Protein backbone atom coordinates (compact mmCIF):
# COMPACT_ATOMS: atom_id res chain seq x y z
CA MET A 1 0.00 0.00 0.00
CA THR A 2 1.27 3.47 -0.86
CA LYS A 3 2.24 5.53 2.19
CA GLN A 4 -0.34 8.21 2.86
CA MET A 5 2.22 11.02 2.97
CA ASN A 6 3.39 10.16 -0.55
CA LEU A 7 -0.05 10.32 -2.12
CA PRO A 8 -0.32 12.82 -4.97
CA LYS A 9 -2.93 15.54 -4.57
CA ILE A 10 -6.01 14.76 -6.66
CA THR A 11 -8.38 17.55 -7.70
CA ILE A 12 -11.95 16.67 -8.61
CA ILE A 13 -14.07 19.35 -10.31
CA THR A 14 -17.86 19.01 -10.33
CA PRO A 15 -19.56 21.26 -12.88
CA SER A 16 -23.20 21.65 -11.91
CA PHE A 17 -26.47 23.18 -13.00
CA ASN A 18 -29.93 22.28 -11.67
CA GLN A 19 -29.04 18.72 -10.69
CA GLY A 20 -30.42 18.98 -7.19
CA ASN A 21 -31.97 15.52 -7.50
CA PHE A 22 -28.56 13.93 -8.03
CA ILE A 23 -25.74 16.15 -6.73
CA GLU A 24 -25.85 14.97 -3.12
CA GLU A 25 -25.16 11.43 -4.27
CA THR A 26 -22.30 12.74 -6.41
CA ILE A 27 -20.78 14.70 -3.52
CA ASN A 28 -21.04 11.72 -1.17
CA SER A 29 -19.39 9.43 -3.70
CA ILE A 30 -16.36 11.76 -3.77
CA LEU A 31 -16.08 12.64 -0.10
CA SER A 32 -16.53 9.00 0.95
CA GLN A 33 -13.36 8.05 -0.92
CA ASN A 34 -11.47 8.89 2.30
CA TYR A 35 -8.52 9.95 0.16
CA SER A 36 -6.29 12.05 2.41
CA ASN A 37 -4.93 14.37 -0.30
CA LEU A 38 -8.17 15.38 -2.04
CA GLU A 39 -9.05 18.82 -3.35
CA TYR A 40 -12.74 19.07 -4.22
CA ILE A 41 -14.15 22.01 -6.20
CA ILE A 42 -17.77 22.56 -7.27
CA ILE A 43 -18.60 25.13 -9.94
CA ASP A 44 -22.35 25.68 -10.13
CA GLY A 45 -23.97 27.76 -12.86
CA LYS A 46 -26.37 29.59 -10.51
CA SER A 47 -28.86 26.75 -10.17
CA THR A 48 -32.47 27.64 -9.45
CA ASP A 49 -33.35 24.35 -7.73
CA ASN A 50 -32.06 23.03 -4.38
CA THR A 51 -28.46 22.50 -5.60
CA VAL A 52 -26.92 25.31 -3.52
CA GLU A 53 -28.75 24.11 -0.43
CA VAL A 54 -27.21 20.67 -0.89
CA ILE A 55 -23.71 22.10 -1.49
CA LYS A 56 -23.92 24.20 1.70
CA LYS A 57 -24.71 21.04 3.64
CA TYR A 58 -21.24 19.72 2.77
CA GLU A 59 -19.27 22.95 2.35
CA LYS A 60 -16.88 22.33 5.26
CA HIS A 61 -15.59 19.32 3.30
CA ILE A 62 -15.39 21.17 -0.03
CA THR A 63 -12.20 23.06 -0.88
CA TYR A 64 -13.96 25.70 -2.99
CA TRP A 65 -17.39 26.20 -4.44
CA GLU A 66 -19.28 28.96 -6.20
CA SER A 67 -22.69 29.47 -7.77
CA GLN A 68 -22.52 32.03 -10.55
CA LYS A 69 -24.08 32.22 -13.98
CA ASP A 70 -21.88 30.71 -16.68
CA LYS A 71 -22.05 29.62 -20.32
CA GLY A 72 -22.32 25.92 -19.56
CA GLN A 73 -20.34 22.85 -18.61
CA SER A 74 -17.16 23.69 -20.52
CA GLU A 75 -16.77 27.10 -18.87
CA ALA A 76 -17.47 25.55 -15.47
CA ILE A 77 -14.74 22.94 -16.02
CA ASN A 78 -12.26 25.64 -17.00
CA LYS A 79 -13.11 27.81 -14.00
CA GLY A 80 -12.59 24.83 -11.72
CA MET A 81 -9.33 23.78 -13.33
CA ARG A 82 -7.89 27.27 -12.91
CA LYS A 83 -8.59 26.95 -9.17
CA ALA A 84 -7.08 23.45 -9.03
CA THR A 85 -3.69 22.78 -7.43
CA GLY A 86 -3.68 18.99 -7.72
CA ASP A 87 -1.04 16.75 -9.30
CA ILE A 88 -3.85 14.64 -10.83
CA LEU A 89 -7.03 16.17 -12.21
CA THR A 90 -10.44 15.20 -13.55
CA TRP A 91 -14.06 16.26 -13.49
CA ILE A 92 -17.12 14.34 -12.30
CA CYS A 93 -20.46 15.81 -13.37
CA SER A 94 -23.21 16.42 -10.84
CA ASP A 95 -25.24 13.39 -11.87
CA ASP A 96 -22.35 10.86 -11.98
CA LEU A 97 -20.58 8.91 -9.24
CA LEU A 98 -17.08 7.82 -8.26
CA LEU A 99 -17.00 4.22 -7.11
CA GLU A 100 -15.38 3.02 -3.91
CA ASN A 101 -11.61 3.47 -3.55
CA SER A 102 -11.24 4.90 -7.06
CA LEU A 103 -8.92 7.75 -6.05
CA GLN A 104 -6.52 5.48 -4.19
CA LYS A 105 -6.42 3.11 -7.16
CA ALA A 106 -5.86 5.93 -9.63
CA ALA A 107 -3.03 7.37 -7.53
CA ASN A 108 -1.36 3.97 -7.32
CA TYR A 109 -1.49 3.51 -11.08
CA PHE A 110 0.21 6.86 -11.62
CA LEU A 111 2.89 6.09 -9.04
CA GLU A 112 3.55 2.70 -10.63
CA ASN A 113 3.54 4.09 -14.19
CA PRO A 114 5.43 7.41 -14.05
CA THR A 115 5.49 7.92 -17.85
CA ALA A 116 1.67 7.83 -18.14
CA SER A 117 0.00 11.24 -18.29
CA LEU A 118 -3.55 9.89 -18.54
CA ILE A 119 -5.10 6.69 -17.28
CA HIS A 120 -8.59 5.41 -18.05
CA GLY A 121 -10.70 2.50 -16.94
CA LYS A 122 -14.28 1.29 -17.08
CA THR A 123 -17.58 2.79 -15.99
CA LYS A 124 -21.01 1.45 -15.17
CA THR A 125 -23.92 3.17 -16.89
CA PHE A 126 -27.10 3.19 -14.83
CA GLY A 127 -30.34 5.06 -14.38
CA GLU A 128 -34.05 4.62 -13.81
CA GLY A 129 -35.46 2.75 -16.80
CA TYR A 130 -31.99 1.86 -18.14
CA GLU A 131 -30.17 -1.44 -17.89
CA ASP A 132 -26.87 -1.36 -15.98
CA LYS A 133 -23.93 -1.91 -18.34
CA ILE A 134 -20.16 -1.84 -18.09
CA THR A 135 -18.48 0.22 -20.78
CA ALA A 136 -14.88 1.06 -21.66
CA GLY A 137 -12.48 1.26 -24.57
CA PHE A 138 -11.57 -2.41 -24.45
CA HIS A 139 -13.25 -3.99 -27.45
CA SER A 140 -11.28 -2.77 -30.44
CA ASP A 141 -8.02 -1.17 -31.49
CA LEU A 142 -7.37 1.75 -29.14
CA SER A 143 -4.47 2.92 -31.32
CA ILE A 144 -7.21 3.80 -33.85
CA ASP A 145 -10.10 4.54 -31.50
CA TYR A 146 -8.29 7.25 -29.56
CA PHE A 147 -8.42 9.34 -32.73
CA THR A 148 -11.97 8.66 -33.93
CA HIS A 149 -14.19 9.30 -30.88
CA MET A 150 -14.25 9.55 -27.10
CA CYS A 151 -13.60 5.84 -26.76
CA PHE A 152 -13.55 5.58 -22.97
CA PRO A 153 -15.81 7.05 -20.28
CA GLN A 154 -14.54 10.48 -19.21
CA PRO A 155 -15.63 10.04 -15.54
CA SER A 156 -13.26 7.05 -15.37
CA SER A 157 -10.22 8.99 -16.54
CA PHE A 158 -7.57 10.93 -14.65
CA PHE A 159 -4.77 13.07 -16.03
CA LYS A 160 -1.60 14.69 -14.78
CA ARG A 161 -1.31 18.40 -14.25
CA ASN A 162 1.16 18.73 -17.14
CA ILE A 163 -1.74 18.28 -19.58
CA PHE A 164 -3.50 21.30 -18.09
CA GLU A 165 -0.29 23.33 -18.07
CA LYS A 166 0.86 22.45 -21.61
CA GLN A 167 -2.33 21.75 -23.56
CA SER A 168 -4.72 24.45 -22.37
CA TYR A 169 -5.96 27.08 -24.79
CA GLU A 170 -4.68 30.51 -23.75
CA ILE A 171 -7.66 32.92 -23.90
CA ASN A 172 -7.26 36.48 -22.61
CA GLY A 173 -4.49 35.35 -20.28
CA ASN A 174 -6.56 32.45 -18.89
CA LYS A 175 -5.82 28.75 -19.32
CA ASN A 176 -8.82 26.91 -20.75
CA LEU A 177 -8.37 23.16 -20.49
CA VAL A 178 -11.42 22.49 -22.67
CA ASP A 179 -12.76 24.40 -25.66
CA GLU A 180 -15.72 26.47 -24.51
CA SER A 181 -17.18 26.49 -28.03
CA LEU A 182 -17.80 22.76 -27.56
CA HIS A 183 -20.65 21.61 -25.33
CA TYR A 184 -20.75 17.88 -26.15
CA CYS A 185 -17.31 16.76 -27.39
CA MET A 186 -14.96 18.88 -25.30
CA ASP A 187 -13.57 15.66 -23.80
CA TYR A 188 -12.85 14.20 -27.26
CA ASP A 189 -11.01 17.40 -28.22
CA LEU A 190 -8.94 17.09 -25.03
CA LEU A 191 -8.27 13.43 -25.76
CA LEU A 192 -6.82 14.29 -29.19
CA ARG A 193 -4.48 16.88 -27.68
CA THR A 194 -3.42 14.27 -25.13
CA VAL A 195 -2.86 11.27 -27.40
CA LEU A 196 -0.86 13.43 -29.84
CA ASN A 197 1.61 14.31 -27.08
CA TYR A 198 1.58 11.94 -24.12
CA ASP A 199 1.47 8.32 -23.00
CA ILE A 200 -1.96 6.92 -22.10
CA LEU A 201 -2.52 3.88 -19.90
CA GLN A 202 -5.64 1.71 -20.15
CA VAL A 203 -6.41 -0.18 -16.93
CA ASP A 204 -8.92 -2.89 -16.08
CA GLU A 205 -10.56 -0.95 -13.28
CA LEU A 206 -14.14 0.14 -12.65
CA PHE A 207 -13.78 3.76 -11.49
CA SER A 208 -17.15 5.44 -11.96
CA ALA A 209 -20.88 5.21 -12.60
CA TYR A 210 -22.39 7.31 -15.39
CA ARG A 211 -26.06 8.14 -14.91
CA LEU A 212 -28.49 8.05 -17.84
CA HIS A 213 -31.71 10.04 -17.50
CA PRO A 214 -34.00 11.92 -19.90
CA ALA A 215 -32.34 15.29 -19.27
CA SER A 216 -28.78 14.02 -19.73
CA LYS A 217 -27.06 15.19 -22.90
CA THR A 218 -26.09 11.66 -23.89
CA VAL A 219 -29.75 10.67 -24.00
CA SER A 220 -31.39 13.82 -25.33
CA ASP A 221 -28.90 15.41 -27.74
CA TRP A 222 -27.22 12.64 -29.76
CA SER A 223 -27.36 14.65 -33.03
CA LYS A 224 -25.44 17.57 -31.49
CA PHE A 225 -22.77 15.12 -30.37
CA GLU A 226 -22.35 14.01 -33.99
CA VAL A 227 -21.99 17.57 -35.29
CA GLU A 228 -19.32 18.39 -32.73
CA LYS A 229 -17.54 15.08 -33.21
CA ASP A 230 -17.21 15.85 -36.93
CA LYS A 231 -15.81 19.28 -36.11
CA VAL A 232 -13.20 17.88 -33.73
CA PHE A 233 -12.19 15.06 -36.07
CA LEU A 234 -11.59 17.58 -38.84
CA ARG A 235 -9.28 19.47 -36.48
CA LEU A 236 -7.17 16.31 -36.35
CA LEU A 237 -7.08 16.04 -40.15
CA HIS A 238 -6.19 19.73 -40.42
CA THR A 239 -3.36 19.20 -37.92
CA LEU A 240 -2.01 16.31 -40.03
CA LYS A 241 -2.43 18.30 -43.27
CA ALA A 242 -4.60 15.45 -44.58
CA HIS A 243 -6.06 17.50 -47.45
CA ASN A 244 -7.25 14.54 -49.55
CA GLU A 245 -9.09 13.03 -46.60
CA ILE A 246 -10.71 16.39 -45.77
CA ALA A 247 -11.90 16.63 -49.40
CA PHE A 248 -13.28 13.08 -49.23
CA LEU A 249 -15.30 13.86 -46.09
CA LYS A 250 -16.53 17.09 -47.62
CA GLU A 251 -18.06 15.04 -50.45
CA LEU A 252 -20.03 13.19 -47.77
CA GLY A 253 -21.41 16.43 -46.37
CA ILE A 254 -18.99 16.61 -43.44
CA LYS A 255 -18.07 20.25 -43.81
CA TYR A 256 -14.71 21.73 -42.96
CA ASN A 257 -14.15 25.29 -41.83
CA LYS A 258 -10.57 26.39 -41.23
CA GLU A 259 -10.02 25.25 -37.71
CA ILE A 260 -7.62 24.87 -34.84
CA ALA A 261 -4.45 22.89 -35.49
CA TYR A 262 -3.13 20.96 -32.51
CA ASN A 263 0.50 20.85 -31.49
CA PHE A 264 1.89 17.32 -31.48
CA ASP A 265 4.92 15.14 -30.82
CA SER A 266 6.11 13.96 -34.24
CA GLN A 267 7.08 10.55 -32.82
CA LYS A 268 3.47 9.98 -31.77
CA VAL A 269 2.21 10.27 -35.37
CA GLU A 270 5.02 8.69 -37.37
CA ASN A 271 3.26 5.31 -37.60
CA PHE A 272 -0.24 6.67 -38.20
CA ASP A 273 -2.54 4.58 -40.36
CA LEU A 274 -4.73 7.41 -41.60
CA ASP A 275 -6.82 5.16 -43.86
CA LYS A 276 -7.82 2.99 -40.88
CA ILE A 277 -8.66 6.06 -38.84
CA ILE A 278 -10.95 7.42 -41.58
CA GLN A 279 -12.57 4.01 -42.05
CA SER A 280 -13.24 3.59 -38.34
CA PHE A 281 -14.60 7.14 -38.05
CA LEU A 282 -17.18 6.54 -40.79
CA TYR A 283 -18.00 3.01 -39.66
CA ARG A 284 -18.90 4.28 -36.18
CA LYS A 285 -21.20 6.97 -37.57
CA ILE A 286 -23.29 4.63 -39.74
CA PRO A 287 -25.21 2.77 -36.96
CA VAL A 288 -25.94 6.10 -35.22
CA LEU A 289 -27.35 7.55 -38.43
CA PHE A 290 -29.33 4.37 -39.12
CA GLU A 291 -30.94 4.43 -35.69
CA ALA A 292 -31.86 8.08 -36.29
CA GLU A 293 -33.47 7.05 -39.63
CA GLU A 294 -31.06 9.21 -41.61
CA TYR A 295 -31.29 6.67 -44.41
CA GLN A 296 -29.99 8.74 -47.30
CA THR A 297 -26.85 9.56 -45.36
CA VAL A 298 -26.35 5.89 -44.47
CA VAL A 299 -26.53 5.02 -48.18
CA LEU A 300 -24.05 7.79 -49.01
CA TYR A 301 -21.55 6.64 -46.37
CA CYS A 302 -21.85 2.95 -47.24
CA GLU A 303 -21.38 3.56 -50.95
CA ALA A 304 -18.41 5.83 -50.25
CA LEU A 305 -16.79 3.09 -48.15
CA GLN A 306 -17.52 0.50 -50.85
CA LYS A 307 -15.88 2.69 -53.48
CA LYS A 308 -12.84 3.98 -51.59
CA TYR A 309 -12.20 1.12 -49.15
CA ALA A 310 -13.73 -1.96 -50.81
CA ASN A 311 -11.74 -4.53 -48.82
CA PHE A 312 -12.59 -2.83 -45.55
CA TYR A 313 -16.29 -2.66 -46.42
CA GLU A 314 -16.36 -6.39 -47.19
CA THR A 315 -15.23 -7.14 -43.64
CA LEU A 316 -18.10 -5.17 -42.09
CA ASN A 317 -21.59 -6.31 -41.27
CA LEU A 318 -23.27 -3.24 -42.74
CA ASP A 319 -25.12 -4.70 -45.69
CA SER A 320 -28.43 -5.13 -43.88
CA MET A 321 -28.41 -1.47 -42.77
CA TYR A 322 -27.32 -0.42 -46.25
CA GLN A 323 -30.09 -2.33 -48.05
CA THR A 324 -32.76 -1.21 -45.58
CA SER A 325 -31.61 2.40 -45.90
CA LYS A 326 -31.52 2.15 -49.67
CA TYR A 327 -35.13 0.95 -49.72
CA ASN A 328 -36.29 3.56 -47.17
CA SER A 329 -34.66 6.30 -49.23
CA LEU A 330 -36.93 5.53 -52.18
CA SER A 331 -40.04 7.55 -52.98
CA SER A 332 -43.43 5.84 -52.61
CA ILE A 333 -43.59 5.15 -56.35
CA GLU A 334 -40.04 3.78 -56.38
CA LYS A 335 -40.89 1.49 -53.47
CA LEU A 336 -43.90 0.12 -55.41
CA ALA A 337 -41.69 -0.48 -58.45
CA TRP A 338 -39.11 -2.26 -56.28
CA LYS A 339 -41.80 -4.52 -54.77
CA PHE A 340 -43.17 -5.26 -58.25
CA LYS A 341 -39.75 -6.32 -59.49
CA LYS A 342 -39.35 -8.61 -56.48
CA PHE A 343 -42.77 -10.10 -57.13
CA ILE A 344 -42.13 -10.93 -60.79
C-alpha cells in the first residue's frame, strides 16, 4: 500500500447546474473516498433548484465552491481547473458517481507508471429505466479509437497536471483546459491533444458510474454530439495536413471550416494509419445515423466506403443497414416499383 504522505494531490471538479436531485449522491461518492490528499471544487452555474442548499450542507468538506451564472459545462470545467492545485485532475459531473476506492487506485497507477499522463478504466452506466452496463475502450483497437471518438468514459479517466499546463488554450491570459465552443465533445477534443503528445494507460478498473436520465445530454442530444464530433475530427485532419481526406469527407457532407491545429509530438504520429482512422470514423457513424433514420446519409456513407475502401467494407456487417436504408430512401412510387420487381 502506498504511504499516505506520498499520495499525490487529486483535484476533482464538479460542474453543476440544476441537478439537485442527483448532486448529493455525487458529492457523497467523492467525499466518501477517504482519500487524504483530495481537493474538491464545485462550480455551479447559478442553479435555481435546491443545488446550492445541498452544497452548503457539505461545504466544510469542499475546498472551494461557487454558484454564478456561466455559459455551460465547458466554462465551469475551465473555472474549476484554474482553481485546481492537484497533481492529478479530472471532473465528475453532478449526476455521476465515483465508485469506492477509485482515487486510491488511480493514484497507485500513476505512481507505478510514471510515464503515463492519462489513465482510463471502465464505468457502469445506470439510471431509472436503463439497464446497468459496463463500458470502456476495451473492445477494439485503441491505437485507432483514440483518434476517432471519445472511446472511454470520461468520468473514469484521470490526467496529470502537465496536460492542463501544456495543452490548455490561452484565452485572454486564462488557461482553458477544454474548448468552450464545444458543449458535447470537449472531452474528445482534449483526448486528441493528449494522445498526440503523451502516454496513455488503459487499466482494467471500474472507477465510476455514469447516470443516464431523460435530461442528460447523452440521452437527449445525440445529433449535437455528432456535429461536434465531426468538427473535432476535422481538427485532427487539419493538424495532419490530410487535405485529400478532408476533401473526401466534404463530399459526404462533413463540412470543414478552417479550424484549430493541434500541437503534437512527431514521434506519436510517425506510424499513423490514416486510412484505418478514416474508415473507423465513418463506420462508427453509420449505426448512429441508421438508428436516427437518416437513411440517405447511411446510403451515401456505405457507398463511399464501398468505393474507396472496398476490402474494408467487405469485412463489415453493414449490408443489412445499407439495403434497408436504400429501400427507405426511395419515394413511394419507387418502393412500389421495387416490390413489383421482387414479385415478378
